[in-house]
Amino acid sequence: MNRIKLVLKDQGRTQTWLAEKIERSYVVVTKYCNNHTQPSLPVLKKIADVLDIDIRELLVPTKKEK
């Protein structure tokens, strides 16, 4: 599952709420949540700030720990 979508669900928030907070359209946020497009790093930072989480929680690690 998409990390943004998962955090929204865990916090009981909606995509509409997030769209308003980050000043993007609902359609854009839906595309982020459904992995149709990826937010830029500045937008991802804004999303993390609005959700009050570390930006790393929205990212999937690219290297496995040894």
N, C-alpha and C. Protein backbone atom coordinates (compact mmCIF):
# COMPACT_ATOMS: atom_id res chain seq x y z
N MET A 1 0.84 -1.19 0.00
CA MET A 1 0.00 0.00 0.00
C MET A 1 0.89 1.25 0.00
N ASN A 2 0.42 2.27 -0.64
CA ASN A 2 1.12 3.54 -0.70
C ASN A 2 1.27 4.11 0.70
N ARG A 3 2.45 4.64 1.01
CA ARG A 3 2.73 5.14 2.36
C ARG A 3 1.86 6.35 2.72
N ILE A 4 1.63 7.26 1.79
CA ILE A 4 0.79 8.43 2.08
C ILE A 4 -0.62 7.96 2.43
N LYS A 5 -1.13 7.07 1.62
CA LYS A 5 -2.48 6.54 1.84
C LYS A 5 -2.57 5.84 3.19
N LEU A 6 -1.55 5.08 3.54
CA LEU A 6 -1.53 4.35 4.81
C LEU A 6 -1.51 5.30 6.00
N VAL A 7 -0.69 6.33 5.95
CA VAL A 7 -0.62 7.30 7.04
C VAL A 7 -1.95 8.04 7.18
N LEU A 8 -2.53 8.44 6.06
CA LEU A 8 -3.84 9.10 6.12
C LEU A 8 -4.86 8.20 6.81
N LYS A 9 -4.87 6.93 6.44
CA LYS A 9 -5.81 5.98 7.04
C LYS A 9 -5.55 5.83 8.54
N ASP A 10 -4.28 5.69 8.91
CA ASP A 10 -3.92 5.54 10.32
C ASP A 10 -4.32 6.75 11.15
N GLN A 11 -4.25 7.94 10.53
CA GLN A 11 -4.59 9.18 11.24
C GLN A 11 -6.07 9.53 11.13
N GLY A 12 -6.81 8.75 10.35
CA GLY A 12 -8.24 9.02 10.18
C GLY A 12 -8.51 10.27 9.37
N ARG A 13 -7.62 10.56 8.45
CA ARG A 13 -7.74 11.75 7.60
C ARG A 13 -8.07 11.34 6.17
N THR A 14 -8.56 12.30 5.40
CA THR A 14 -8.95 12.01 4.02
C THR A 14 -7.98 12.64 3.02
N GLN A 15 -8.07 12.16 1.81
CA GLN A 15 -7.27 12.74 0.74
C GLN A 15 -7.71 14.18 0.47
N THR A 16 -8.98 14.45 0.63
CA THR A 16 -9.50 15.81 0.46
C THR A 16 -8.86 16.75 1.49
N TRP A 17 -8.79 16.30 2.72
CA TRP A 17 -8.17 17.09 3.78
C TRP A 17 -6.72 17.41 3.43
N LEU A 18 -5.97 16.37 2.99
CA LEU A 18 -4.56 16.57 2.63
C LEU A 18 -4.43 17.53 1.46
N ALA A 19 -5.29 17.39 0.48
CA ALA A 19 -5.24 18.28 -0.69
C ALA A 19 -5.39 19.74 -0.27
N GLU A 20 -6.30 20.01 0.63
CA GLU A 20 -6.49 21.37 1.11
C GLU A 20 -5.26 21.87 1.85
N LYS A 21 -4.69 21.03 2.71
CA LYS A 21 -3.54 21.42 3.52
C LYS A 21 -2.28 21.70 2.70
N ILE A 22 -2.08 20.93 1.61
CA ILE A 22 -0.88 21.13 0.80
C ILE A 22 -1.15 21.99 -0.44
N GLU A 23 -2.37 22.50 -0.51
CA GLU A 23 -2.77 23.39 -1.60
C GLU A 23 -2.58 22.76 -2.98
N ARG A 24 -3.04 21.53 -3.08
CA ARG A 24 -3.08 20.80 -4.35
C ARG A 24 -4.50 20.32 -4.56
N SER A 25 -4.82 19.95 -5.78
CA SER A 25 -6.17 19.46 -6.05
C SER A 25 -6.34 18.04 -5.51
N TYR A 26 -7.59 17.68 -5.28
CA TYR A 26 -7.91 16.33 -4.83
C TYR A 26 -7.40 15.31 -5.83
N VAL A 27 -7.51 15.62 -7.11
CA VAL A 27 -7.07 14.70 -8.17
C VAL A 27 -5.57 14.43 -8.06
N VAL A 28 -4.79 15.46 -7.80
CA VAL A 28 -3.34 15.30 -7.68
C VAL A 28 -3.01 14.41 -6.48
N VAL A 29 -3.65 14.66 -5.35
CA VAL A 29 -3.40 13.86 -4.15
C VAL A 29 -3.83 12.41 -4.38
N THR A 30 -4.93 12.21 -5.07
CA THR A 30 -5.38 10.85 -5.39
C THR A 30 -4.33 10.14 -6.24
N LYS A 31 -3.74 10.85 -7.19
CA LYS A 31 -2.69 10.25 -8.02
C LYS A 31 -1.47 9.88 -7.18
N TYR A 32 -1.13 10.72 -6.20
CA TYR A 32 -0.03 10.37 -5.28
C TYR A 32 -0.39 9.10 -4.51
N CYS A 33 -1.60 9.05 -3.98
CA CYS A 33 -2.02 7.92 -3.13
C CYS A 33 -2.19 6.62 -3.90
N ASN A 34 -2.42 6.71 -5.19
CA ASN A 34 -2.61 5.50 -6.01
C ASN A 34 -1.39 5.17 -6.86
N ASN A 35 -0.27 5.83 -6.57
CA ASN A 35 1.01 5.60 -7.26
C ASN A 35 0.95 5.86 -8.77
N HIS A 36 0.09 6.78 -9.18
CA HIS A 36 0.06 7.15 -10.60
C HIS A 36 1.10 8.22 -10.89
N THR A 37 1.39 9.05 -9.90
CA THR A 37 2.47 10.03 -9.98
C THR A 37 3.13 10.10 -8.60
N GLN A 38 4.33 10.62 -8.58
CA GLN A 38 5.04 10.78 -7.32
C GLN A 38 5.24 12.27 -7.04
N PRO A 39 5.06 12.68 -5.79
CA PRO A 39 5.30 14.08 -5.46
C PRO A 39 6.78 14.40 -5.52
N SER A 40 7.08 15.65 -5.83
CA SER A 40 8.47 16.10 -5.78
C SER A 40 8.94 16.08 -4.33
N LEU A 41 10.22 16.17 -4.12
CA LEU A 41 10.73 16.15 -2.74
C LEU A 41 10.20 17.32 -1.91
N PRO A 42 10.14 18.55 -2.47
CA PRO A 42 9.56 19.63 -1.66
C PRO A 42 8.10 19.37 -1.28
N VAL A 43 7.32 18.80 -2.19
CA VAL A 43 5.92 18.48 -1.88
C VAL A 43 5.86 17.35 -0.87
N LEU A 44 6.71 16.36 -1.01
CA LEU A 44 6.75 15.25 -0.05
C LEU A 44 7.08 15.77 1.35
N LYS A 45 8.00 16.72 1.43
CA LYS A 45 8.35 17.35 2.71
C LYS A 45 7.14 18.07 3.30
N LYS A 46 6.41 18.78 2.46
CA LYS A 46 5.21 19.49 2.91
C LYS A 46 4.16 18.50 3.43
N ILE A 47 4.00 17.38 2.72
CA ILE A 47 3.06 16.34 3.15
C ILE A 47 3.48 15.81 4.52
N ALA A 48 4.77 15.52 4.69
CA ALA A 48 5.26 15.01 5.96
C ALA A 48 5.02 16.02 7.08
N ASP A 49 5.27 17.29 6.80
CA ASP A 49 5.04 18.34 7.80
C ASP A 49 3.57 18.41 8.20
N VAL A 50 2.68 18.38 7.22
CA VAL A 50 1.24 18.45 7.48
C VAL A 50 0.78 17.25 8.29
N LEU A 51 1.33 16.07 7.98
CA LEU A 51 0.95 14.85 8.69
C LEU A 51 1.71 14.69 10.00
N ASP A 52 2.66 15.61 10.26
CA ASP A 52 3.46 15.61 11.49
C ASP A 52 4.20 14.28 11.66
N ILE A 53 4.88 13.88 10.58
CA ILE A 53 5.70 12.66 10.61
C ILE A 53 7.05 12.96 9.97
N ASP A 54 7.99 12.08 10.21
CA ASP A 54 9.30 12.18 9.58
C ASP A 54 9.14 11.82 8.10
N ILE A 55 9.75 12.56 7.23
CA ILE A 55 9.62 12.32 5.79
C ILE A 55 10.02 10.89 5.42
N ARG A 56 10.92 10.30 6.19
CA ARG A 56 11.37 8.93 5.90
C ARG A 56 10.26 7.91 6.03
N GLU A 57 9.22 8.25 6.79
CA GLU A 57 8.08 7.33 6.93
C GLU A 57 7.28 7.22 5.63
N LEU A 58 7.48 8.18 4.73
CA LEU A 58 6.77 8.17 3.45
C LEU A 58 7.57 7.50 2.34
N LEU A 59 8.79 7.12 2.66
CA LEU A 59 9.67 6.55 1.66
C LEU A 59 9.89 5.06 1.92
N VAL A 60 10.11 4.34 0.87
CA VAL A 60 10.41 2.91 0.96
C VAL A 60 11.94 2.79 0.85
N PRO A 61 12.58 2.10 1.79
CA PRO A 61 14.05 1.97 1.72
C PRO A 61 14.49 1.33 0.41
N THR A 62 15.60 1.81 -0.11
CA THR A 62 16.12 1.25 -1.35
C THR A 62 17.23 0.22 -1.10
N LYS A 63 17.75 0.20 0.12
CA LYS A 63 18.77 -0.79 0.47
C LYS A 63 18.30 -1.58 1.67
N LYS A 64 18.60 -2.84 1.63
CA LYS A 64 18.25 -3.69 2.76
C LYS A 64 19.36 -3.61 3.80
N GLU A 65 18.96 -3.65 5.07
CA GLU A 65 19.93 -3.63 6.14
C GLU A 65 20.67 -4.95 6.19
N LYS A 66 21.94 -4.89 6.57
CA LYS A 66 22.77 -6.10 6.64
C LYS A 66 22.66 -6.74 7.99
